[in-house]
Amino acid sequence: MVLLPLLALAAAWSHGEAQVLLKQRQVSITRGHKSTASMDCVAEGISDFQYAFIHWYRLVPSRAPEWILHIGAGAASYDDDSYRNKYSSVKRGTNTCTLTISDTSSSDEGTYYCAYWHF
């Protein structure tokens, strides 16, 4: 069984500020190969990255996108408290946010992607 955590995605937009670009690399995990999967979201153009809200979503075909969590300057906030045991996220450096999925299984299959917007 194959777990496809994300596709290479990039989004760019401008809100009267510098343009923001989010980059993700394609990651493919085969169940049994790893029990934990991690993926990075590299942000360009966010000057206050440590305070920015980075959101993680999962997309499964024929279903609406599912919001998993967002992380700002502190700990992650989850859509569902049961996600705390499954998903975690940290910010590293000045532009990288990492999502980790623990104890991967077939129910974790989908496309995972990050998003950002300025409030």
C-alpha atoms as a PDB file:
ATOM      1  CA  MET A   1       0.000   0.000   0.000  1.00  0.00           C
ATOM      2  CA  VAL A   2       1.373   3.425  -0.881  1.00  0.00           C
ATOM      3  CA  LEU A   3       0.994   6.598   1.120  1.00  0.00           C
ATOM      4  CA  LEU A   4       1.351   9.763  -0.956  1.00  0.00           C
ATOM      5  CA  PRO A   5       1.702  12.544   1.592  1.00  0.00           C
ATOM      6  CA  LEU A   6       2.017  15.395  -0.849  1.00  0.00           C
ATOM      7  CA  LEU A   7       2.561  16.528  -4.381  1.00  0.00           C
ATOM      8  CA  ALA A   8       5.007  19.198  -5.360  1.00  0.00           C
ATOM      9  CA  LEU A   9       2.882  22.299  -4.923  1.00  0.00           C
ATOM     10  CA  ALA A  10       3.621  25.975  -5.021  1.00  0.00           C
ATOM     11  CA  ALA A  11       1.377  28.941  -4.428  1.00  0.00           C
ATOM     12  CA  ALA A  12       2.175  32.575  -4.984  1.00  0.00           C
ATOM     13  CA  TRP A  13       0.116  35.664  -4.297  1.00  0.00           C
ATOM     14  CA  SER A  14       0.440  39.239  -3.168  1.00  0.00           C
ATOM     15  CA  HIS A  15      -1.580  41.194  -0.593  1.00  0.00           C
ATOM     16  CA  GLY A  16       0.115  44.537  -1.067  1.00  0.00           C
ATOM     17  CA  GLU A  17       3.247  42.963   0.420  1.00  0.00           C
ATOM     18  CA  ALA A  18       6.072  40.967  -1.049  1.00  0.00           C
ATOM     19  CA  GLN A  19       4.996  37.949  -3.031  1.00  0.00           C
ATOM     20  CA  VAL A  20       4.711  34.718  -1.011  1.00  0.00           C
ATOM     21  CA  LEU A  21       5.792  31.394  -2.463  1.00  0.00           C
ATOM     22  CA  LEU A  22       5.300  28.009  -0.754  1.00  0.00           C
ATOM     23  CA  LYS A  23       7.255  25.002  -2.013  1.00  0.00           C
ATOM     24  CA  GLN A  24       6.876  21.318  -1.244  1.00  0.00           C
ATOM     25  CA  ARG A  25       8.766  18.333  -2.595  1.00  0.00           C
ATOM     26  CA  GLN A  26       7.014  15.164  -3.667  1.00  0.00           C
ATOM     27  CA  VAL A  27       7.188  12.494  -0.977  1.00  0.00           C
ATOM     28  CA  SER A  28       6.003   8.913  -1.281  1.00  0.00           C
ATOM     29  CA  ILE A  29       5.958   6.508   1.658  1.00  0.00           C
ATOM     30  CA  THR A  30       5.179   2.809   1.375  1.00  0.00           C
ATOM     31  CA  ARG A  31       3.522   1.415   4.478  1.00  0.00           C
ATOM     32  CA  GLY A  32       5.920  -0.804   6.356  1.00  0.00           C
ATOM     33  CA  HIS A  33       8.883   1.136   5.004  1.00  0.00           C
ATOM     34  CA  LYS A  34       8.535   3.858   7.630  1.00  0.00           C
ATOM     35  CA  SER A  35       6.192   4.245  10.549  1.00  0.00           C
ATOM     36  CA  THR A  36       6.599   8.036  10.514  1.00  0.00           C
ATOM     37  CA  ALA A  37       6.390  10.362   7.523  1.00  0.00           C
ATOM     38  CA  SER A  38       7.651  13.960   7.498  1.00  0.00           C
ATOM     39  CA  MET A  39       7.337  16.654   4.866  1.00  0.00           C
ATOM     40  CA  ASP A  40       8.541  20.234   4.599  1.00  0.00           C
ATOM     41  CA  CYS A  41       6.891  23.412   3.434  1.00  0.00           C
ATOM     42  CA  VAL A  42       9.471  26.040   2.473  1.00  0.00           C
ATOM     43  CA  ALA A  43       8.145  29.605   2.479  1.00  0.00           C
ATOM     44  CA  GLU A  44       9.645  32.517   0.585  1.00  0.00           C
ATOM     45  CA  GLY A  45       8.545  36.113   1.066  1.00  0.00           C
ATOM     46  CA  ILE A  46       7.215  35.885   4.641  1.00  0.00           C
ATOM     47  CA  SER A  47       9.287  38.341   6.672  1.00  0.00           C
ATOM     48  CA  ASP A  48       7.758  37.373  10.030  1.00  0.00           C
ATOM     49  CA  PHE A  49       7.758  33.606   9.423  1.00  0.00           C
ATOM     50  CA  GLN A  50       7.923  32.578  13.101  1.00  0.00           C
ATOM     51  CA  TYR A  51       4.639  34.471  13.725  1.00  0.00           C
ATOM     52  CA  ALA A  52       2.936  33.510  10.463  1.00  0.00           C
ATOM     53  CA  PHE A  53       0.132  30.954  10.481  1.00  0.00           C
ATOM     54  CA  ILE A  54       1.025  27.946   8.335  1.00  0.00           C
ATOM     55  CA  HIS A  55      -1.881  25.562   7.756  1.00  0.00           C
ATOM     56  CA  TRP A  56      -1.745  21.879   6.770  1.00  0.00           C
ATOM     57  CA  TYR A  57      -4.506  20.180   4.795  1.00  0.00           C
ATOM     58  CA  ARG A  58      -5.143  16.689   3.472  1.00  0.00           C
ATOM     59  CA  LEU A  59      -6.913  16.019   0.188  1.00  0.00           C
ATOM     60  CA  VAL A  60      -8.451  12.650  -0.592  1.00  0.00           C
ATOM     61  CA  PRO A  61     -10.120  12.137  -4.003  1.00  0.00           C
ATOM     62  CA  SER A  62     -13.905  12.684  -3.995  1.00  0.00           C
ATOM     63  CA  ARG A  63     -13.808  14.426  -0.598  1.00  0.00           C
ATOM     64  CA  ALA A  64     -13.523  18.043   0.467  1.00  0.00           C
ATOM     65  CA  PRO A  65     -10.096  19.194   1.664  1.00  0.00           C
ATOM     66  CA  GLU A  66      -9.606  18.408   5.347  1.00  0.00           C
ATOM     67  CA  TRP A  67      -7.937  21.007   7.564  1.00  0.00           C
ATOM     68  CA  ILE A  68      -5.570  19.243   9.963  1.00  0.00           C
ATOM     69  CA  LEU A  69      -3.806  21.994  11.900  1.00  0.00           C
ATOM     70  CA  HIS A  70      -2.137  25.367  11.851  1.00  0.00           C
ATOM     71  CA  ILE A  71       0.978  26.563  13.603  1.00  0.00           C
ATOM     72  CA  GLY A  72       1.842  30.141  14.476  1.00  0.00           C
ATOM     73  CA  ALA A  73       4.398  31.382  16.996  1.00  0.00           C
ATOM     74  CA  GLY A  74       3.573  28.680  19.541  1.00  0.00           C
ATOM     75  CA  ALA A  75       2.130  25.192  19.591  1.00  0.00           C
ATOM     76  CA  ALA A  76      -0.022  23.807  16.805  1.00  0.00           C
ATOM     77  CA  SER A  77      -3.821  24.142  16.925  1.00  0.00           C
ATOM     78  CA  TYR A  78      -5.813  21.188  15.625  1.00  0.00           C
ATOM     79  CA  ASP A  79      -9.158  20.826  13.869  1.00  0.00           C
ATOM     80  CA  ASP A  80      -9.869  17.742  15.979  1.00  0.00           C
ATOM     81  CA  ASP A  81      -8.139  16.973  19.301  1.00  0.00           C
ATOM     82  CA  SER A  82      -7.730  13.347  18.225  1.00  0.00           C
ATOM     83  CA  TYR A  83      -5.239  14.606  15.606  1.00  0.00           C
ATOM     84  CA  ARG A  84      -2.727  15.480  18.363  1.00  0.00           C
ATOM     85  CA  ASN A  85      -1.573  11.856  18.524  1.00  0.00           C
ATOM     86  CA  LYS A  86      -1.324  11.531  14.742  1.00  0.00           C
ATOM     87  CA  TYR A  87       0.049  14.841  13.420  1.00  0.00           C
ATOM     88  CA  SER A  88       2.628  17.314  14.648  1.00  0.00           C
ATOM     89  CA  SER A  89       4.211  20.386  13.139  1.00  0.00           C
ATOM     90  CA  VAL A  90       7.261  22.515  13.906  1.00  0.00           C
ATOM     91  CA  LYS A  91       8.926  25.545  12.350  1.00  0.00           C
ATOM     92  CA  ARG A  92      12.647  25.440  11.661  1.00  0.00           C
ATOM     93  CA  GLY A  93      14.860  28.355  10.800  1.00  0.00           C
ATOM     94  CA  THR A  94      13.443  31.361   9.012  1.00  0.00           C
ATOM     95  CA  ASN A  95      11.272  29.642   6.397  1.00  0.00           C
ATOM     96  CA  THR A  96      10.618  25.905   6.901  1.00  0.00           C
ATOM     97  CA  CYS A  97       7.583  24.253   8.464  1.00  0.00           C
ATOM     98  CA  THR A  98       7.543  20.459   8.889  1.00  0.00           C
ATOM     99  CA  LEU A  99       4.481  18.204   9.211  1.00  0.00           C
ATOM    100  CA  THR A 100       5.015  14.762  10.755  1.00  0.00           C
ATOM    101  CA  ILE A 101       2.521  11.889  10.556  1.00  0.00           C
ATOM    102  CA  SER A 102       3.004   9.170  13.186  1.00  0.00           C
ATOM    103  CA  ASP A 103       2.115   5.485  12.850  1.00  0.00           C
ATOM    104  CA  THR A 104       1.261   5.695   9.157  1.00  0.00           C
ATOM    105  CA  SER A 105      -1.473   3.420   7.847  1.00  0.00           C
ATOM    106  CA  SER A 106      -3.682   3.117   4.785  1.00  0.00           C
ATOM    107  CA  SER A 107      -6.149   5.576   6.351  1.00  0.00           C
ATOM    108  CA  ASP A 108      -3.471   8.285   6.020  1.00  0.00           C
ATOM    109  CA  GLU A 109      -3.381   8.108   2.233  1.00  0.00           C
ATOM    110  CA  GLY A 110      -3.895  11.426   0.505  1.00  0.00           C
ATOM    111  CA  THR A 111      -2.235  14.587  -0.717  1.00  0.00           C
ATOM    112  CA  TYR A 112      -0.963  16.840   2.055  1.00  0.00           C
ATOM    113  CA  TYR A 113      -0.293  20.499   1.432  1.00  0.00           C
ATOM    114  CA  CYS A 114       0.538  23.664   3.299  1.00  0.00           C
ATOM    115  CA  ALA A 115      -1.084  27.066   3.019  1.00  0.00           C
ATOM    116  CA  TYR A 116      -0.485  30.555   4.398  1.00  0.00           C
ATOM    117  CA  TRP A 117      -2.490  33.696   4.601  1.00  0.00           C
ATOM    118  CA  HIS A 118      -1.899  37.000   6.320  1.00  0.00           C
ATOM    119  CA  PHE A 119      -4.528  38.230   8.788  1.00  0.00           C
END
